[in-house]
């Protein structure tokens, strides 16, 4: 008795599962004409699935219209990809003014242009993303303070103009003249007059006559 009841229960569960599977299968085929008694899709003379009058592309199934199903999958929007983390880096290059310019001049020499090509532009080409270039001119203390400030500014501007000629974006380049306000050496032990005739003083103050190029770059941070 118990065995008979158990068998009937199993049969009922199997029948229900079959009905559900058939119903689900019919739902997936609702846009196509189904034959009897197996409810298989009816094929037309071209061996294509016979669509119903209310068929739409949303009802396409891989069995009948695989190209439409692939297109629908391809059109699913992809999740946005986060940009890689970036890092900012400052590169400082110090150039001797005596190499870039003649003494007390602000016109870049041929040797100075070569130095800018080899040291500044070559370095900038290593970084495709340049945030900003700041060029600061410095002078020694020979001459008046006002004159030295103007000379250092003219030299910084001359370097900027040359970099722009080589393709550096001008809007990202700025200049400043520090004059004699930021010396690298003092040469306090050099005697004699404070003028260009004092060759010992001129030679000693050479490090003060310089142009500093600061390059701020952006690059992908290594993880």
C-alpha atoms as a PDB file:
ATOM      1  CA  UNK A   1       0.000   0.000   0.000  1.00  0.00           C
ATOM      2  CA  UNK A   2       2.737   2.370   0.990  1.00  0.00           C
ATOM      3  CA  UNK A   3       4.748   1.380  -2.079  1.00  0.00           C
ATOM      4  CA  UNK A   4       1.813   2.107  -4.372  1.00  0.00           C
ATOM      5  CA  UNK A   5       1.325   5.571  -2.826  1.00  0.00           C
ATOM      6  CA  UNK A   6       5.033   6.341  -3.194  1.00  0.00           C
ATOM      7  CA  UNK A   7       4.978   5.347  -6.878  1.00  0.00           C
ATOM      8  CA  UNK A   8       1.930   7.505  -7.594  1.00  0.00           C
ATOM      9  CA  UNK A   9       3.663  10.493  -5.917  1.00  0.00           C
ATOM     10  CA  UNK A  10       6.788  10.080  -8.052  1.00  0.00           C
ATOM     11  CA  UNK A  11       4.674   9.835 -11.206  1.00  0.00           C
ATOM     12  CA  UNK A  12       2.789  13.025 -10.332  1.00  0.00           C
ATOM     13  CA  UNK A  13       6.014  14.963  -9.714  1.00  0.00           C
ATOM     14  CA  UNK A  14       7.519  13.776 -12.992  1.00  0.00           C
ATOM     15  CA  UNK A  15       4.372  14.735 -14.890  1.00  0.00           C
ATOM     16  CA  UNK A  16       4.383  18.213 -13.336  1.00  0.00           C
ATOM     17  CA  UNK A  17       8.021  18.726 -14.274  1.00  0.00           C
ATOM     18  CA  UNK A  18       7.291  17.661 -17.846  1.00  0.00           C
ATOM     19  CA  UNK A  19       4.366  20.071 -18.070  1.00  0.00           C
ATOM     20  CA  UNK A  20       6.472  22.947 -16.730  1.00  0.00           C
ATOM     21  CA  UNK A  21       9.294  22.199 -19.171  1.00  0.00           C
ATOM     22  CA  UNK A  22       6.854  22.044 -22.063  1.00  0.00           C
ATOM     23  CA  UNK A  23       5.230  25.311 -20.993  1.00  0.00           C
ATOM     24  CA  UNK A  24       8.628  27.041 -20.707  1.00  0.00           C
ATOM     25  CA  UNK A  25       9.666  25.694 -24.090  1.00  0.00           C
ATOM     26  CA  UNK A  26       6.468  27.009 -25.621  1.00  0.00           C
ATOM     27  CA  UNK A  27       7.073  30.408 -24.066  1.00  0.00           C
ATOM     28  CA  UNK A  28      10.480  30.614 -25.726  1.00  0.00           C
ATOM     29  CA  UNK A  29       8.869  29.691 -29.045  1.00  0.00           C
ATOM     30  CA  UNK A  30       5.852  31.960 -28.746  1.00  0.00           C
ATOM     31  CA  UNK A  31       6.786  33.928 -31.850  1.00  0.00           C
ATOM     32  CA  UNK A  32       6.809  30.844 -34.071  1.00  0.00           C
ATOM     33  CA  UNK A  33       4.156  28.465 -35.411  1.00  0.00           C
ATOM     34  CA  UNK A  34       4.160  25.163 -33.532  1.00  0.00           C
ATOM     35  CA  UNK A  35       3.062  21.827 -34.970  1.00  0.00           C
ATOM     36  CA  UNK A  36       1.121  19.028 -33.303  1.00  0.00           C
ATOM     37  CA  UNK A  37       1.340  16.871 -31.318  1.00  0.00           C
ATOM     38  CA  UNK A  38       5.006  17.498 -30.270  1.00  0.00           C
ATOM     39  CA  UNK A  39       4.782  21.303 -30.423  1.00  0.00           C
ATOM     40  CA  UNK A  40       7.896  21.514 -32.610  1.00  0.00           C
ATOM     41  CA  UNK A  41       8.450  24.634 -34.742  1.00  0.00           C
ATOM     42  CA  UNK A  42       6.944  24.424 -38.224  1.00  0.00           C
ATOM     43  CA  UNK A  43       9.459  25.034 -41.030  1.00  0.00           C
ATOM     44  CA  UNK A  44       8.550  26.774 -44.304  1.00  0.00           C
ATOM     45  CA  UNK A  45       9.576  25.787 -47.819  1.00  0.00           C
ATOM     46  CA  UNK A  46      12.962  27.508 -47.386  1.00  0.00           C
ATOM     47  CA  UNK A  47      13.608  25.453 -44.263  1.00  0.00           C
ATOM     48  CA  UNK A  48      13.245  28.534 -42.092  1.00  0.00           C
ATOM     49  CA  UNK A  49      11.178  28.732 -38.929  1.00  0.00           C
ATOM     50  CA  UNK A  50       7.620  29.860 -39.608  1.00  0.00           C
ATOM     51  CA  UNK A  51       7.020  33.069 -37.699  1.00  0.00           C
ATOM     52  CA  UNK A  52       3.632  34.040 -36.319  1.00  0.00           C
ATOM     53  CA  UNK A  53       1.857  37.200 -37.355  1.00  0.00           C
ATOM     54  CA  UNK A  54       2.725  38.864 -34.059  1.00  0.00           C
ATOM     55  CA  UNK A  55       6.442  37.898 -34.157  1.00  0.00           C
ATOM     56  CA  UNK A  56       8.941  40.622 -33.116  1.00  0.00           C
ATOM     57  CA  UNK A  57      12.730  40.628 -32.930  1.00  0.00           C
ATOM     58  CA  UNK A  58      12.505  40.373 -29.142  1.00  0.00           C
ATOM     59  CA  UNK A  59      11.008  36.875 -29.620  1.00  0.00           C
ATOM     60  CA  UNK A  60      13.969  35.636 -31.699  1.00  0.00           C
ATOM     61  CA  UNK A  61      15.586  32.410 -30.521  1.00  0.00           C
ATOM     62  CA  UNK A  62      18.962  30.971 -31.451  1.00  0.00           C
ATOM     63  CA  UNK A  63      17.351  27.917 -33.079  1.00  0.00           C
ATOM     64  CA  UNK A  64      15.596  30.065 -35.689  1.00  0.00           C
ATOM     65  CA  UNK A  65      17.217  33.507 -35.804  1.00  0.00           C
ATOM     66  CA  UNK A  66      20.754  33.206 -34.369  1.00  0.00           C
ATOM     67  CA  UNK A  67      21.951  36.432 -35.981  1.00  0.00           C
ATOM     68  CA  UNK A  68      19.283  38.452 -34.173  1.00  0.00           C
ATOM     69  CA  UNK A  69      20.144  36.833 -30.852  1.00  0.00           C
ATOM     70  CA  UNK A  70      23.878  37.638 -31.327  1.00  0.00           C
ATOM     71  CA  UNK A  71      23.098  41.247 -32.202  1.00  0.00           C
ATOM     72  CA  UNK A  72      21.020  41.613 -29.072  1.00  0.00           C
ATOM     73  CA  UNK A  73      23.852  40.212 -26.985  1.00  0.00           C
ATOM     74  CA  UNK A  74      26.416  42.472 -28.674  1.00  0.00           C
ATOM     75  CA  UNK A  75      24.329  45.557 -27.987  1.00  0.00           C
ATOM     76  CA  UNK A  76      24.370  44.945 -24.246  1.00  0.00           C
ATOM     77  CA  UNK A  77      26.250  47.952 -22.828  1.00  0.00           C
ATOM     78  CA  UNK A  78      29.612  47.169 -21.299  1.00  0.00           C
ATOM     79  CA  UNK A  79      30.460  48.318 -17.822  1.00  0.00           C
ATOM     80  CA  UNK A  80      32.632  51.473 -17.927  1.00  0.00           C
ATOM     81  CA  UNK A  81      36.346  50.837 -17.510  1.00  0.00           C
ATOM     82  CA  UNK A  82      37.967  52.977 -14.846  1.00  0.00           C
ATOM     83  CA  UNK A  83      40.940  55.018 -16.105  1.00  0.00           C
ATOM     84  CA  UNK A  84      44.337  53.908 -14.799  1.00  0.00           C
ATOM     85  CA  UNK A  85      45.675  55.804 -11.778  1.00  0.00           C
ATOM     86  CA  UNK A  86      48.036  58.628 -12.699  1.00  0.00           C
ATOM     87  CA  UNK A  87      50.979  60.118 -10.833  1.00  0.00           C
ATOM     88  CA  UNK A  88      52.492  63.596 -11.080  1.00  0.00           C
ATOM     89  CA  UNK A  89      56.242  64.059 -11.176  1.00  0.00           C
ATOM     90  CA  UNK A  90      58.439  67.169 -11.185  1.00  0.00           C
ATOM     91  CA  UNK A  91      61.703  67.139 -13.130  1.00  0.00           C
ATOM     92  CA  UNK A  92      64.109  70.002 -12.447  1.00  0.00           C
ATOM     93  CA  UNK A  93      66.885  70.802 -14.928  1.00  0.00           C
ATOM     94  CA  UNK A  94      69.500  73.470 -14.203  1.00  0.00           C
ATOM     95  CA  UNK A  95      71.312  74.967 -17.193  1.00  0.00           C
ATOM     96  CA  UNK A  96      74.322  77.277 -17.032  1.00  0.00           C
ATOM     97  CA  UNK A  97      73.585  80.667 -18.529  1.00  0.00           C
ATOM     98  CA  UNK A  98      77.189  80.956 -19.729  1.00  0.00           C
ATOM     99  CA  UNK A  99      76.469  78.009 -22.055  1.00  0.00           C
ATOM    100  CA  UNK A 100      73.083  79.311 -23.206  1.00  0.00           C
ATOM    101  CA  UNK A 101      74.062  82.975 -23.614  1.00  0.00           C
ATOM    102  CA  UNK A 102      77.044  85.216 -24.008  1.00  0.00           C
ATOM    103  CA  UNK A 103      77.909  87.224 -20.901  1.00  0.00           C
ATOM    104  CA  UNK A 104      75.311  89.925 -20.199  1.00  0.00           C
ATOM    105  CA  UNK A 105      73.219  88.830 -23.234  1.00  0.00           C
ATOM    106  CA  UNK A 106      69.802  87.186 -23.666  1.00  0.00           C
ATOM    107  CA  UNK A 107      70.124  85.692 -27.155  1.00  0.00           C
ATOM    108  CA  UNK A 108      70.517  81.915 -27.100  1.00  0.00           C
ATOM    109  CA  UNK A 109      73.743  80.738 -28.716  1.00  0.00           C
ATOM    110  CA  UNK A 110      74.066  77.769 -31.074  1.00  0.00           C
ATOM    111  CA  UNK A 111      75.669  75.801 -28.253  1.00  0.00           C
ATOM    112  CA  UNK A 112      72.798  76.821 -25.988  1.00  0.00           C
ATOM    113  CA  UNK A 113      70.191  75.550 -28.452  1.00  0.00           C
ATOM    114  CA  UNK A 114      71.974  72.224 -28.640  1.00  0.00           C
ATOM    115  CA  UNK A 115      71.952  72.022 -24.852  1.00  0.00           C
ATOM    116  CA  UNK A 116      68.224  72.723 -24.768  1.00  0.00           C
ATOM    117  CA  UNK A 117      67.627  70.045 -27.414  1.00  0.00           C
ATOM    118  CA  UNK A 118      69.697  67.413 -25.627  1.00  0.00           C
ATOM    119  CA  UNK A 119      68.649  68.097 -22.051  1.00  0.00           C
ATOM    120  CA  UNK A 120      65.227  69.735 -22.006  1.00  0.00           C
ATOM    121  CA  UNK A 121      63.369  68.708 -25.163  1.00  0.00           C
ATOM    122  CA  UNK A 122      64.746  65.148 -25.088  1.00  0.00           C
ATOM    123  CA  UNK A 123      63.573  64.787 -21.506  1.00  0.00           C
ATOM    124  CA  UNK A 124      60.130  66.178 -22.314  1.00  0.00           C
ATOM    125  CA  UNK A 125      59.754  63.718 -25.197  1.00  0.00           C
ATOM    126  CA  UNK A 126      60.009  60.896 -22.660  1.00  0.00           C
ATOM    127  CA  UNK A 127      56.703  62.045 -21.156  1.00  0.00           C
ATOM    128  CA  UNK A 128      53.695  62.295 -23.507  1.00  0.00           C
ATOM    129  CA  UNK A 129      51.656  64.204 -20.926  1.00  0.00           C
ATOM    130  CA  UNK A 130      53.161  67.494 -19.767  1.00  0.00           C
ATOM    131  CA  UNK A 131      51.125  69.457 -17.236  1.00  0.00           C
ATOM    132  CA  UNK A 132      53.279  72.549 -17.031  1.00  0.00           C
ATOM    133  CA  UNK A 133      56.778  73.894 -17.775  1.00  0.00           C
ATOM    134  CA  UNK A 134      58.138  76.666 -15.576  1.00  0.00           C
ATOM    135  CA  UNK A 135      61.310  78.486 -16.640  1.00  0.00           C
ATOM    136  CA  UNK A 136      63.133  80.679 -14.120  1.00  0.00           C
ATOM    137  CA  UNK A 137      66.082  82.877 -14.994  1.00  0.00           C
ATOM    138  CA  UNK A 138      68.770  83.750 -12.429  1.00  0.00           C
ATOM    139  CA  UNK A 139      71.549  86.349 -12.537  1.00  0.00           C
ATOM    140  CA  UNK A 140      74.685  87.135 -10.511  1.00  0.00           C
ATOM    141  CA  UNK A 141      75.118  90.259  -8.366  1.00  0.00           C
ATOM    142  CA  UNK A 142      77.302  92.153 -10.826  1.00  0.00           C
ATOM    143  CA  UNK A 143      75.362  95.261 -11.867  1.00  0.00           C
ATOM    144  CA  UNK A 144      72.242  96.791 -10.333  1.00  0.00           C
ATOM    145  CA  UNK A 145      69.498  94.674  -8.835  1.00  0.00           C
ATOM    146  CA  UNK A 146      66.879  96.078 -11.226  1.00  0.00           C
ATOM    147  CA  UNK A 147      69.052  95.381 -14.272  1.00  0.00           C
ATOM    148  CA  UNK A 148      69.760  91.802 -13.169  1.00  0.00           C
ATOM    149  CA  UNK A 149      66.082  91.118 -12.604  1.00  0.00           C
ATOM    150  CA  UNK A 150      65.226  92.253 -16.141  1.00  0.00           C
ATOM    151  CA  UNK A 151      68.142  90.278 -17.623  1.00  0.00           C
ATOM    152  CA  UNK A 152      67.038  87.086 -15.882  1.00  0.00           C
ATOM    153  CA  UNK A 153      63.468  87.591 -17.143  1.00  0.00           C
ATOM    154  CA  UNK A 154      64.646  88.157 -20.730  1.00  0.00           C
ATOM    155  CA  UNK A 155      66.701  84.968 -20.588  1.00  0.00           C
ATOM    156  CA  UNK A 156      63.771  82.942 -19.257  1.00  0.00           C
ATOM    157  CA  UNK A 157      61.540  84.343 -22.012  1.00  0.00           C
ATOM    158  CA  UNK A 158      64.173  83.471 -24.648  1.00  0.00           C
ATOM    159  CA  UNK A 159      64.229  79.845 -23.498  1.00  0.00           C
ATOM    160  CA  UNK A 160      60.416  79.725 -23.553  1.00  0.00           C
ATOM    161  CA  UNK A 161      60.307  81.108 -27.099  1.00  0.00           C
ATOM    162  CA  UNK A 162      62.771  78.479 -28.257  1.00  0.00           C
ATOM    163  CA  UNK A 163      60.787  75.650 -26.668  1.00  0.00           C
ATOM    164  CA  UNK A 164      57.607  76.917 -28.329  1.00  0.00           C
ATOM    165  CA  UNK A 165      59.414  76.891 -31.671  1.00  0.00           C
ATOM    166  CA  UNK A 166      60.144  73.217 -31.059  1.00  0.00           C
ATOM    167  CA  UNK A 167      56.462  72.410 -30.494  1.00  0.00           C
ATOM    168  CA  UNK A 168      55.937  72.939 -26.763  1.00  0.00           C
ATOM    169  CA  UNK A 169      52.425  74.271 -26.027  1.00  0.00           C
ATOM    170  CA  UNK A 170      52.767  77.919 -24.971  1.00  0.00           C
ATOM    171  CA  UNK A 171      49.679  77.876 -22.711  1.00  0.00           C
ATOM    172  CA  UNK A 172      51.420  75.363 -20.455  1.00  0.00           C
ATOM    173  CA  UNK A 173      54.668  77.289 -20.249  1.00  0.00           C
ATOM    174  CA  UNK A 174      55.374  80.125 -17.828  1.00  0.00           C
ATOM    175  CA  UNK A 175      58.458  82.163 -17.007  1.00  0.00           C
ATOM    176  CA  UNK A 176      59.863  84.139 -14.106  1.00  0.00           C
ATOM    177  CA  UNK A 177      62.959  86.242 -13.475  1.00  0.00           C
ATOM    178  CA  UNK A 178      64.583  85.928 -10.039  1.00  0.00           C
ATOM    179  CA  UNK A 179      67.431  88.326 -10.716  1.00  0.00           C
ATOM    180  CA  UNK A 180      70.160  88.016  -8.096  1.00  0.00           C
ATOM    181  CA  UNK A 181      67.740  87.098  -5.266  1.00  0.00           C
ATOM    182  CA  UNK A 182      68.493  83.359  -5.194  1.00  0.00           C
ATOM    183  CA  UNK A 183      72.276  82.871  -5.470  1.00  0.00           C
ATOM    184  CA  UNK A 184      73.838  79.410  -5.549  1.00  0.00           C
ATOM    185  CA  UNK A 185      77.203  80.770  -4.294  1.00  0.00           C
ATOM    186  CA  UNK A 186      78.193  83.966  -2.454  1.00  0.00           C
ATOM    187  CA  UNK A 187      81.890  84.394  -3.397  1.00  0.00           C
ATOM    188  CA  UNK A 188      82.340  86.569  -0.317  1.00  0.00           C
ATOM    189  CA  UNK A 189      86.052  85.814  -0.253  1.00  0.00           C
ATOM    190  CA  UNK A 190      86.711  87.332  -3.692  1.00  0.00           C
ATOM    191  CA  UNK A 191      88.310  90.748  -3.382  1.00  0.00           C
ATOM    192  CA  UNK A 192      88.180  93.641  -5.829  1.00  0.00           C
ATOM    193  CA  UNK A 193      85.424  95.623  -7.452  1.00  0.00           C
ATOM    194  CA  UNK A 194      81.955  94.273  -8.052  1.00  0.00           C
ATOM    195  CA  UNK A 195      82.008  94.607 -11.830  1.00  0.00           C
ATOM    196  CA  UNK A 196      82.605  92.585 -14.974  1.00  0.00           C
ATOM    197  CA  UNK A 197      86.262  93.637 -15.052  1.00  0.00           C
ATOM    198  CA  UNK A 198      86.918  91.529 -11.969  1.00  0.00           C
ATOM    199  CA  UNK A 199      87.461  88.209 -13.780  1.00  0.00           C
ATOM    200  CA  UNK A 200      87.942  86.258 -10.566  1.00  0.00           C
ATOM    201  CA  UNK A 201      84.529  87.408  -9.365  1.00  0.00           C
ATOM    202  CA  UNK A 202      82.907  86.712 -12.730  1.00  0.00           C
ATOM    203  CA  UNK A 203      84.278  83.150 -12.723  1.00  0.00           C
ATOM    204  CA  UNK A 204      83.285  82.545  -9.111  1.00  0.00           C
ATOM    205  CA  UNK A 205      79.702  83.739  -9.664  1.00  0.00           C
ATOM    206  CA  UNK A 206      79.203  81.480 -12.674  1.00  0.00           C
ATOM    207  CA  UNK A 207      76.821  79.054 -10.852  1.00  0.00           C
ATOM    208  CA  UNK A 208      74.495  81.975 -10.112  1.00  0.00           C
ATOM    209  CA  UNK A 209      74.032  82.698 -13.794  1.00  0.00           C
ATOM    210  CA  UNK A 210      71.609  79.908 -14.646  1.00  0.00           C
ATOM    211  CA  UNK A 211      68.216  78.978 -16.038  1.00  0.00           C
ATOM    212  CA  UNK A 212      66.112  76.426 -14.172  1.00  0.00           C
ATOM    213  CA  UNK A 213      63.506  74.448 -16.133  1.00  0.00           C
ATOM    214  CA  UNK A 214      60.892  72.635 -14.051  1.00  0.00           C
ATOM    215  CA  UNK A 215      58.803  70.081 -15.950  1.00  0.00           C
ATOM    216  CA  UNK A 216      55.646  68.724 -14.318  1.00  0.00           C
ATOM    217  CA  UNK A 217      54.575  65.488 -15.950  1.00  0.00           C
ATOM    218  CA  UNK A 218      51.753  62.945 -15.721  1.00  0.00           C
ATOM    219  CA  UNK A 219      52.328  59.219 -16.142  1.00  0.00           C
ATOM    220  CA  UNK A 220      50.531  55.971 -15.320  1.00  0.00           C
ATOM    221  CA  UNK A 221      51.243  54.919 -11.750  1.00  0.00           C
ATOM    222  CA  UNK A 222      52.741  51.464 -11.398  1.00  0.00           C
ATOM    223  CA  UNK A 223      50.655  49.170  -9.234  1.00  0.00           C
END
